[in-house]
Every structure is written in C-alpha cells, then in structure tokens.
C-alpha cells in the first residue's frame, strides 16, 4: 500500500469507433486517463473533439470498441447492460445541461426519485433527499415545483438528485450551459464546496471560466488528450473556493 488515492476512473488505451468500413469514425484514439478519489477535473474540447464520447464511456452510457474502462476498480467490459445500469445508479451521479426535472413533482420528490428506483423506504428516501437539498442550499425550497424555481435553483435540484445515492463520482455535462452568469457562478461554488467535502467531480465543458474551478484541466482534440494540466493536488481545496464549507 502506497497511501496514494485510488482511481475512481481508469481508462486504458480506450478506442471508440462508430460505424463500419468507409463510414467508420474513430471518436477516441487510444485515450488513457486516471481520475483519483477527491479530484475535480474539467474535460474540455471543441464540438467533435471526442469529449462527449469520453463522457458517455465514463458514465457507462457507452462502451469502448477497444481498451479498458474501470470505475471504482470494476472492469466494465465484463458487464452486461443490466449490470451497467446498476453501476450507473450506484456509482455515478449525473448532472446534465438540461435539468430533466419532472414538472409536477416538488424539488423533494424529484430528488427522492433515484431512491425510489433503488427500493428504499419512504422515510429513508425523504431523510436523504432533504439532506441533499440542504447541501446545495435549497432547504427553503424543498416543496417548490420546478416552475416556481429559477434556472439556477432547478440545476441545484438536479445536483441534489445526483448526490442522493452517495455516488463515487459526480459527472456533469455542460452543467452551466442553460444558466446566466450569476447562476453559473452560484452553481460552480456549490461544486467547489462539494469537492472540498470529498466528492470526486468530472465536468465536461467548453467554458474556460467553468474549467478554472477544477483542480485539473484536460484538453481533448481529434479523439486524443492533447493537454493535461494539474492546478492543485487532488486532496487540496479547489483553486477558486472562497470558504471551505458546504452550504447549509
């Protein structure tokens, strides 16, 4: 044992090819990447660079054509679709550009939903959902429906929903894409504090000001990692964090 943080994510020479023959497109070309526990990583790249394909593989939404992908030490190549779905539910919390909230449900019920699929009893679901909403600063808006919340508040509900299953990894795909500048800053401060509290976060973004919150910035181009810049160590506080406490 070396005392080093363990990889939450490990990609080893990952290749992804879509189509066959002359129509084949190589979206990833031998990508290798480790993301360790408590790290905070921004993956950047232009449209068509391969960053979305990488996100789909990291999120167990797609599988490599060649190479290996492990999450929390689990080799996903040996899993069938049902087993991959279990890994997605237990190991990964997703935050997308679209909030994907159910309009007629309160914030609390939206956050409880993944726990319903997992078969938890009502009292436990409520307790965990309330705690997740407090973590993202929405204790006062638990019983509001999405239409009663601002865009930034809706995205924070989506973050709470991602947190409620206690995943190993928070995977956020362009999470500020539908937010104005102030709401984007507020959301990124939530991510900063969550990482300071020990959450591993991977952000997919094309915005430099969003990537500036991360401890490590990875640039993808033409299906390859072309730059990998470490800003602060995985166990350190996020570089732009102003107060090392989680909002209540």
C-alpha atoms as a PDB file:
ATOM      1  CA  UNK A   1       0.000   0.000   0.000  1.00  0.00           C
ATOM      2  CA  UNK A   2       1.416   3.383  -1.020  1.00  0.00           C
ATOM      3  CA  UNK A   3      -1.174   5.664   0.548  1.00  0.00           C
ATOM      4  CA  UNK A   4      -1.964   7.129  -2.883  1.00  0.00           C
ATOM      5  CA  UNK A   5      -5.644   7.950  -3.650  1.00  0.00           C
ATOM      6  CA  UNK A   6      -7.309   5.126  -5.589  1.00  0.00           C
ATOM      7  CA  UNK A   7      -8.560   5.735  -9.150  1.00  0.00           C
ATOM      8  CA  UNK A   8     -12.301   6.269  -9.282  1.00  0.00           C
ATOM      9  CA  UNK A   9     -11.948   6.260 -13.075  1.00  0.00           C
ATOM     10  CA  UNK A  10      -9.358   4.447 -15.170  1.00  0.00           C
ATOM     11  CA  UNK A  11      -9.300   4.454 -18.968  1.00  0.00           C
ATOM     12  CA  UNK A  12      -6.561   2.361 -20.575  1.00  0.00           C
ATOM     13  CA  UNK A  13      -5.895   2.847 -24.318  1.00  0.00           C
ATOM     14  CA  UNK A  14      -9.613   3.397 -24.978  1.00  0.00           C
ATOM     15  CA  UNK A  15     -10.697   3.449 -28.608  1.00  0.00           C
ATOM     16  CA  UNK A  16     -14.240   4.200 -29.763  1.00  0.00           C
ATOM     17  CA  UNK A  17     -15.285   3.659 -33.377  1.00  0.00           C
ATOM     18  CA  UNK A  18     -18.742   4.432 -34.729  1.00  0.00           C
ATOM     19  CA  UNK A  19     -19.879   2.790 -37.973  1.00  0.00           C
ATOM     20  CA  UNK A  20     -18.037   0.313 -40.163  1.00  0.00           C
ATOM     21  CA  UNK A  21     -15.975   0.250 -43.317  1.00  0.00           C
ATOM     22  CA  UNK A  22     -15.522   3.536 -45.147  1.00  0.00           C
ATOM     23  CA  UNK A  23     -18.167   5.152 -42.927  1.00  0.00           C
ATOM     24  CA  UNK A  24     -16.255   4.358 -39.718  1.00  0.00           C
ATOM     25  CA  UNK A  25     -15.460   7.323 -37.476  1.00  0.00           C
ATOM     26  CA  UNK A  26     -12.814   6.975 -34.764  1.00  0.00           C
ATOM     27  CA  UNK A  27     -14.126   9.196 -31.952  1.00  0.00           C
ATOM     28  CA  UNK A  28     -11.456   8.189 -29.397  1.00  0.00           C
ATOM     29  CA  UNK A  29      -7.931   7.159 -30.367  1.00  0.00           C
ATOM     30  CA  UNK A  30      -6.225   5.321 -27.518  1.00  0.00           C
ATOM     31  CA  UNK A  31      -7.163   7.521 -24.558  1.00  0.00           C
ATOM     32  CA  UNK A  32      -5.624   6.681 -21.176  1.00  0.00           C
ATOM     33  CA  UNK A  33      -6.689   8.566 -18.055  1.00  0.00           C
ATOM     34  CA  UNK A  34      -6.835   8.083 -14.286  1.00  0.00           C
ATOM     35  CA  UNK A  35      -9.059  10.231 -12.060  1.00  0.00           C
ATOM     36  CA  UNK A  36      -8.398   9.646  -8.377  1.00  0.00           C
ATOM     37  CA  UNK A  37     -10.624   9.985  -5.330  1.00  0.00           C
ATOM     38  CA  UNK A  38     -11.481  13.617  -4.362  1.00  0.00           C
ATOM     39  CA  UNK A  39     -10.171  15.056  -7.620  1.00  0.00           C
ATOM     40  CA  UNK A  40     -12.011  17.767  -9.566  1.00  0.00           C
ATOM     41  CA  UNK A  41     -11.392  17.507 -13.303  1.00  0.00           C
ATOM     42  CA  UNK A  42     -12.534  19.612 -16.254  1.00  0.00           C
ATOM     43  CA  UNK A  43     -12.527  17.935 -19.668  1.00  0.00           C
ATOM     44  CA  UNK A  44     -12.540  20.494 -22.465  1.00  0.00           C
ATOM     45  CA  UNK A  45     -12.672  20.385 -26.238  1.00  0.00           C
ATOM     46  CA  UNK A  46     -14.452  21.704 -29.295  1.00  0.00           C
ATOM     47  CA  UNK A  47     -17.501  20.037 -30.805  1.00  0.00           C
ATOM     48  CA  UNK A  48     -16.379  16.744 -32.367  1.00  0.00           C
ATOM     49  CA  UNK A  49     -13.224  16.549 -30.259  1.00  0.00           C
ATOM     50  CA  UNK A  50     -14.292  13.347 -28.507  1.00  0.00           C
ATOM     51  CA  UNK A  51     -15.106  14.813 -25.093  1.00  0.00           C
ATOM     52  CA  UNK A  52     -18.787  13.790 -25.278  1.00  0.00           C
ATOM     53  CA  UNK A  53     -17.810  10.246 -26.289  1.00  0.00           C
ATOM     54  CA  UNK A  54     -15.422  10.153 -23.332  1.00  0.00           C
ATOM     55  CA  UNK A  55     -18.241  11.370 -21.069  1.00  0.00           C
ATOM     56  CA  UNK A  56     -20.557   8.637 -22.359  1.00  0.00           C
ATOM     57  CA  UNK A  57     -17.969   5.952 -21.627  1.00  0.00           C
ATOM     58  CA  UNK A  58     -17.120   7.354 -18.177  1.00  0.00           C
ATOM     59  CA  UNK A  59     -20.857   7.475 -17.444  1.00  0.00           C
ATOM     60  CA  UNK A  60     -21.367   3.833 -18.530  1.00  0.00           C
ATOM     61  CA  UNK A  61     -23.725   5.088 -21.254  1.00  0.00           C
ATOM     62  CA  UNK A  62     -21.485   3.592 -23.957  1.00  0.00           C
ATOM     63  CA  UNK A  63     -18.693   1.009 -24.107  1.00  0.00           C
ATOM     64  CA  UNK A  64     -15.220   1.179 -25.701  1.00  0.00           C
ATOM     65  CA  UNK A  65     -14.526  -0.516 -29.031  1.00  0.00           C
ATOM     66  CA  UNK A  66     -11.102  -1.411 -27.610  1.00  0.00           C
ATOM     67  CA  UNK A  67      -9.187  -0.778 -24.395  1.00  0.00           C
ATOM     68  CA  UNK A  68     -10.383  -0.910 -20.790  1.00  0.00           C
ATOM     69  CA  UNK A  69     -12.602   1.267 -18.636  1.00  0.00           C
ATOM     70  CA  UNK A  70     -12.791   0.710 -14.869  1.00  0.00           C
ATOM     71  CA  UNK A  71     -14.919   2.603 -12.366  1.00  0.00           C
ATOM     72  CA  UNK A  72     -14.106   2.105  -8.685  1.00  0.00           C
ATOM     73  CA  UNK A  73     -11.998  -0.886  -9.719  1.00  0.00           C
ATOM     74  CA  UNK A  74     -14.845  -2.569 -11.641  1.00  0.00           C
ATOM     75  CA  UNK A  75     -13.893  -3.597 -15.193  1.00  0.00           C
ATOM     76  CA  UNK A  76     -16.964  -2.575 -17.194  1.00  0.00           C
ATOM     77  CA  UNK A  77     -16.050  -4.793 -20.169  1.00  0.00           C
ATOM     78  CA  UNK A  78     -17.327  -7.802 -18.243  1.00  0.00           C
ATOM     79  CA  UNK A  79     -20.752  -6.273 -17.530  1.00  0.00           C
ATOM     80  CA  UNK A  80     -23.985  -6.651 -19.474  1.00  0.00           C
ATOM     81  CA  UNK A  81     -26.460  -3.796 -19.975  1.00  0.00           C
ATOM     82  CA  UNK A  82     -28.399  -4.552 -16.793  1.00  0.00           C
ATOM     83  CA  UNK A  83     -25.205  -4.639 -14.735  1.00  0.00           C
ATOM     84  CA  UNK A  84     -24.044  -1.368 -16.326  1.00  0.00           C
ATOM     85  CA  UNK A  85     -27.362   0.192 -15.311  1.00  0.00           C
ATOM     86  CA  UNK A  86     -26.731  -0.873 -11.701  1.00  0.00           C
ATOM     87  CA  UNK A  87     -23.252   0.703 -11.823  1.00  0.00           C
ATOM     88  CA  UNK A  88     -24.718   3.933 -13.230  1.00  0.00           C
ATOM     89  CA  UNK A  89     -27.303   4.050 -10.465  1.00  0.00           C
ATOM     90  CA  UNK A  90     -24.933   3.277  -7.594  1.00  0.00           C
ATOM     91  CA  UNK A  91     -21.589   4.759  -8.652  1.00  0.00           C
ATOM     92  CA  UNK A  92     -22.402   7.855 -10.740  1.00  0.00           C
ATOM     93  CA  UNK A  93     -24.443  10.994 -10.124  1.00  0.00           C
ATOM     94  CA  UNK A  94     -25.315  12.731 -13.410  1.00  0.00           C
ATOM     95  CA  UNK A  95     -25.878  16.459 -13.934  1.00  0.00           C
ATOM     96  CA  UNK A  96     -26.794  17.464 -17.486  1.00  0.00           C
ATOM     97  CA  UNK A  97     -27.207  20.789 -19.270  1.00  0.00           C
ATOM     98  CA  UNK A  98     -30.977  20.192 -19.317  1.00  0.00           C
ATOM     99  CA  UNK A  99     -32.306  19.979 -15.767  1.00  0.00           C
ATOM    100  CA  UNK A 100     -34.568  16.966 -16.559  1.00  0.00           C
ATOM    101  CA  UNK A 101     -36.867  17.615 -13.593  1.00  0.00           C
ATOM    102  CA  UNK A 102     -40.416  16.250 -13.521  1.00  0.00           C
ATOM    103  CA  UNK A 103     -42.629  19.381 -13.666  1.00  0.00           C
ATOM    104  CA  UNK A 104     -45.475  18.262 -11.370  1.00  0.00           C
ATOM    105  CA  UNK A 105     -43.188  16.970  -8.626  1.00  0.00           C
ATOM    106  CA  UNK A 106     -41.708  19.110  -5.856  1.00  0.00           C
ATOM    107  CA  UNK A 107     -37.958  19.535  -5.559  1.00  0.00           C
ATOM    108  CA  UNK A 108     -38.029  16.994  -2.734  1.00  0.00           C
ATOM    109  CA  UNK A 109     -39.877  14.391  -4.794  1.00  0.00           C
ATOM    110  CA  UNK A 110     -37.571  14.929  -7.775  1.00  0.00           C
ATOM    111  CA  UNK A 111     -34.549  14.283  -5.570  1.00  0.00           C
ATOM    112  CA  UNK A 112     -36.167  11.216  -3.982  1.00  0.00           C
ATOM    113  CA  UNK A 113     -36.795   9.595  -7.364  1.00  0.00           C
ATOM    114  CA  UNK A 114     -33.487   7.671  -7.770  1.00  0.00           C
ATOM    115  CA  UNK A 115     -34.002   6.250  -4.273  1.00  0.00           C
ATOM    116  CA  UNK A 116     -37.473   5.040  -5.260  1.00  0.00           C
ATOM    117  CA  UNK A 117     -35.905   3.043  -8.098  1.00  0.00           C
ATOM    118  CA  UNK A 118     -33.414   1.624  -5.580  1.00  0.00           C
ATOM    119  CA  UNK A 119     -36.276   0.399  -3.388  1.00  0.00           C
ATOM    120  CA  UNK A 120     -35.621   2.492  -0.255  1.00  0.00           C
ATOM    121  CA  UNK A 121     -38.466   3.034   2.197  1.00  0.00           C
ATOM    122  CA  UNK A 122     -40.274   6.385   2.216  1.00  0.00           C
ATOM    123  CA  UNK A 123     -38.806   7.701   5.471  1.00  0.00           C
ATOM    124  CA  UNK A 124     -35.229   6.966   4.383  1.00  0.00           C
ATOM    125  CA  UNK A 125     -35.858   8.489   0.944  1.00  0.00           C
ATOM    126  CA  UNK A 126     -37.174  11.672   2.498  1.00  0.00           C
ATOM    127  CA  UNK A 127     -34.329  11.937   5.019  1.00  0.00           C
ATOM    128  CA  UNK A 128     -31.645  11.545   2.338  1.00  0.00           C
ATOM    129  CA  UNK A 129     -33.366  13.861  -0.150  1.00  0.00           C
ATOM    130  CA  UNK A 130     -33.746  16.597   2.466  1.00  0.00           C
ATOM    131  CA  UNK A 131     -30.048  16.282   3.357  1.00  0.00           C
ATOM    132  CA  UNK A 132     -29.045  16.534  -0.326  1.00  0.00           C
ATOM    133  CA  UNK A 133     -31.165  19.660  -0.837  1.00  0.00           C
ATOM    134  CA  UNK A 134     -29.606  21.253   2.233  1.00  0.00           C
ATOM    135  CA  UNK A 135     -26.161  20.517   0.780  1.00  0.00           C
ATOM    136  CA  UNK A 136     -26.959  22.577  -2.315  1.00  0.00           C
ATOM    137  CA  UNK A 137     -28.540  25.433  -0.347  1.00  0.00           C
ATOM    138  CA  UNK A 138     -32.211  24.723  -1.096  1.00  0.00           C
ATOM    139  CA  UNK A 139     -33.551  23.889   2.358  1.00  0.00           C
ATOM    140  CA  UNK A 140     -36.187  26.619   1.961  1.00  0.00           C
ATOM    141  CA  UNK A 141     -37.410  25.438  -1.460  1.00  0.00           C
ATOM    142  CA  UNK A 142     -37.911  21.710  -0.903  1.00  0.00           C
ATOM    143  CA  UNK A 143     -41.648  21.862  -1.519  1.00  0.00           C
ATOM    144  CA  UNK A 144     -41.498  24.103  -4.604  1.00  0.00           C
ATOM    145  CA  UNK A 145     -42.228  22.743  -8.066  1.00  0.00           C
ATOM    146  CA  UNK A 146     -39.707  23.395 -10.865  1.00  0.00           C
ATOM    147  CA  UNK A 147     -41.846  26.164 -12.386  1.00  0.00           C
ATOM    148  CA  UNK A 148     -41.547  28.047  -9.074  1.00  0.00           C
ATOM    149  CA  UNK A 149     -37.720  27.914  -9.178  1.00  0.00           C
ATOM    150  CA  UNK A 150     -35.163  29.876 -11.165  1.00  0.00           C
ATOM    151  CA  UNK A 151     -32.938  28.101 -13.682  1.00  0.00           C
ATOM    152  CA  UNK A 152     -30.059  28.112 -11.228  1.00  0.00           C
ATOM    153  CA  UNK A 153     -32.232  26.656  -8.474  1.00  0.00           C
ATOM    154  CA  UNK A 154     -33.522  23.949 -10.830  1.00  0.00           C
ATOM    155  CA  UNK A 155     -29.964  22.965 -11.678  1.00  0.00           C
ATOM    156  CA  UNK A 156     -29.129  22.772  -7.968  1.00  0.00           C
ATOM    157  CA  UNK A 157     -32.098  20.416  -7.533  1.00  0.00           C
ATOM    158  CA  UNK A 158     -30.532  18.322 -10.315  1.00  0.00           C
ATOM    159  CA  UNK A 159     -27.230  18.344  -8.401  1.00  0.00           C
ATOM    160  CA  UNK A 160     -29.014  17.233  -5.221  1.00  0.00           C
ATOM    161  CA  UNK A 161     -30.646  14.402  -7.193  1.00  0.00           C
ATOM    162  CA  UNK A 162     -27.174  13.370  -8.403  1.00  0.00           C
ATOM    163  CA  UNK A 163     -25.869  13.363  -4.819  1.00  0.00           C
ATOM    164  CA  UNK A 164     -28.683  11.487  -3.128  1.00  0.00           C
ATOM    165  CA  UNK A 165     -27.447   7.974  -3.978  1.00  0.00           C
ATOM    166  CA  UNK A 166     -23.994   8.801  -2.466  1.00  0.00           C
ATOM    167  CA  UNK A 167     -22.151   8.029  -5.733  1.00  0.00           C
ATOM    168  CA  UNK A 168     -18.383   7.670  -6.115  1.00  0.00           C
ATOM    169  CA  UNK A 169     -18.429  10.215  -8.928  1.00  0.00           C
ATOM    170  CA  UNK A 170     -20.381  13.323  -9.902  1.00  0.00           C
ATOM    171  CA  UNK A 171     -20.344  13.595 -13.709  1.00  0.00           C
ATOM    172  CA  UNK A 172     -21.545  16.973 -15.000  1.00  0.00           C
ATOM    173  CA  UNK A 173     -22.024  17.540 -18.750  1.00  0.00           C
ATOM    174  CA  UNK A 174     -22.062  21.281 -19.593  1.00  0.00           C
ATOM    175  CA  UNK A 175     -23.897  21.981 -16.301  1.00  0.00           C
ATOM    176  CA  UNK A 176     -23.884  25.779 -16.771  1.00  0.00           C
ATOM    177  CA  UNK A 177     -24.985  25.682 -20.421  1.00  0.00           C
ATOM    178  CA  UNK A 178     -28.537  26.887 -19.698  1.00  0.00           C
ATOM    179  CA  UNK A 179     -27.646  29.349 -16.908  1.00  0.00           C
ATOM    180  CA  UNK A 180     -26.873  33.055 -16.820  1.00  0.00           C
ATOM    181  CA  UNK A 181     -23.570  34.335 -15.434  1.00  0.00           C
ATOM    182  CA  UNK A 182     -24.731  34.753 -11.820  1.00  0.00           C
ATOM    183  CA  UNK A 183     -26.494  31.375 -11.677  1.00  0.00           C
ATOM    184  CA  UNK A 184     -23.435  29.724 -13.262  1.00  0.00           C
ATOM    185  CA  UNK A 185     -21.165  31.214 -10.598  1.00  0.00           C
ATOM    186  CA  UNK A 186     -23.522  30.111  -7.812  1.00  0.00           C
ATOM    187  CA  UNK A 187     -23.638  26.567  -9.219  1.00  0.00           C
ATOM    188  CA  UNK A 188     -19.867  26.346  -9.540  1.00  0.00           C
ATOM    189  CA  UNK A 189     -19.495  27.462  -5.923  1.00  0.00           C
ATOM    190  CA  UNK A 190     -21.750  24.527  -4.972  1.00  0.00           C
ATOM    191  CA  UNK A 191     -19.492  22.132  -6.929  1.00  0.00           C
ATOM    192  CA  UNK A 192     -16.417  23.693  -5.269  1.00  0.00           C
ATOM    193  CA  UNK A 193     -17.823  23.095  -1.803  1.00  0.00           C
ATOM    194  CA  UNK A 194     -18.945  19.578  -2.636  1.00  0.00           C
ATOM    195  CA  UNK A 195     -15.438  18.749  -3.810  1.00  0.00           C
ATOM    196  CA  UNK A 196     -13.949  20.330  -0.678  1.00  0.00           C
ATOM    197  CA  UNK A 197     -16.202  17.974   1.302  1.00  0.00           C
ATOM    198  CA  UNK A 198     -14.690  14.974  -0.510  1.00  0.00           C
ATOM    199  CA  UNK A 199     -16.750  14.439  -3.679  1.00  0.00           C
ATOM    200  CA  UNK A 200     -14.976  13.413  -6.880  1.00  0.00           C
ATOM    201  CA  UNK A 201     -16.204  15.579  -9.763  1.00  0.00           C
ATOM    202  CA  UNK A 202     -15.666  15.440 -13.521  1.00  0.00           C
ATOM    203  CA  UNK A 203     -17.001  18.354 -15.580  1.00  0.00           C
ATOM    204  CA  UNK A 204     -17.411  18.367 -19.346  1.00  0.00           C
ATOM    205  CA  UNK A 205     -17.279  21.982 -20.502  1.00  0.00           C
ATOM    206  CA  UNK A 206     -16.126  24.302 -23.257  1.00  0.00           C
ATOM    207  CA  UNK A 207     -16.085  27.351 -20.963  1.00  0.00           C
ATOM    208  CA  UNK A 208     -12.711  28.426 -19.573  1.00  0.00           C
ATOM    209  CA  UNK A 209     -14.268  30.186 -16.567  1.00  0.00           C
ATOM    210  CA  UNK A 210     -16.017  26.949 -15.579  1.00  0.00           C
ATOM    211  CA  UNK A 211     -12.856  24.884 -16.071  1.00  0.00           C
ATOM    212  CA  UNK A 212     -10.968  27.366 -13.849  1.00  0.00           C
ATOM    213  CA  UNK A 213     -12.808  25.931 -10.820  1.00  0.00           C
ATOM    214  CA  UNK A 214     -11.248  22.477 -11.345  1.00  0.00           C
ATOM    215  CA  UNK A 215      -8.008  21.129  -9.887  1.00  0.00           C
ATOM    216  CA  UNK A 216      -7.032  19.600 -13.223  1.00  0.00           C
ATOM    217  CA  UNK A 217      -7.838  20.623 -16.818  1.00  0.00           C
ATOM    218  CA  UNK A 218      -7.721  18.106 -19.681  1.00  0.00           C
ATOM    219  CA  UNK A 219      -7.925  19.187 -23.327  1.00  0.00           C
ATOM    220  CA  UNK A 220      -9.278  16.735 -25.916  1.00  0.00           C
ATOM    221  CA  UNK A 221      -8.749  17.144 -29.652  1.00  0.00           C
ATOM    222  CA  UNK A 222      -9.375  14.721 -32.519  1.00  0.00           C
ATOM    223  CA  UNK A 223     -10.050  11.869 -30.098  1.00  0.00           C
ATOM    224  CA  UNK A 224      -6.844  12.287 -28.109  1.00  0.00           C
ATOM    225  CA  UNK A 225      -5.798  14.006 -24.895  1.00  0.00           C
ATOM    226  CA  UNK A 226      -3.506  16.819 -26.074  1.00  0.00           C
ATOM    227  CA  UNK A 227      -3.013  18.653 -22.758  1.00  0.00           C
ATOM    228  CA  UNK A 228      -3.332  17.676 -19.092  1.00  0.00           C
ATOM    229  CA  UNK A 229      -2.646  20.472 -16.613  1.00  0.00           C
ATOM    230  CA  UNK A 230      -2.661  19.942 -12.846  1.00  0.00           C
ATOM    231  CA  UNK A 231      -3.564  23.124 -10.900  1.00  0.00           C
ATOM    232  CA  UNK A 232      -3.762  21.813  -7.339  1.00  0.00           C
ATOM    233  CA  UNK A 233      -3.377  18.309  -5.818  1.00  0.00           C
ATOM    234  CA  UNK A 234      -6.466  16.052  -5.636  1.00  0.00           C
ATOM    235  CA  UNK A 235      -6.647  16.373  -1.844  1.00  0.00           C
ATOM    236  CA  UNK A 236      -6.290  20.169  -1.798  1.00  0.00           C
ATOM    237  CA  UNK A 237      -9.118  22.706  -1.780  1.00  0.00           C
ATOM    238  CA  UNK A 238     -10.469  23.761  -5.198  1.00  0.00           C
ATOM    239  CA  UNK A 239      -8.490  26.750  -6.532  1.00  0.00           C
ATOM    240  CA  UNK A 240     -11.384  29.240  -6.542  1.00  0.00           C
ATOM    241  CA  UNK A 241     -13.028  28.185  -3.304  1.00  0.00           C
ATOM    242  CA  UNK A 242     -13.551  31.155  -1.010  1.00  0.00           C
ATOM    243  CA  UNK A 243     -14.996  29.392   2.014  1.00  0.00           C
ATOM    244  CA  UNK A 244     -14.113  25.720   2.699  1.00  0.00           C
ATOM    245  CA  UNK A 245     -17.572  24.801   3.973  1.00  0.00           C
ATOM    246  CA  UNK A 246     -20.568  23.159   2.331  1.00  0.00           C
ATOM    247  CA  UNK A 247     -23.633  25.444   2.158  1.00  0.00           C
ATOM    248  CA  UNK A 248     -26.461  24.634   4.552  1.00  0.00           C
END
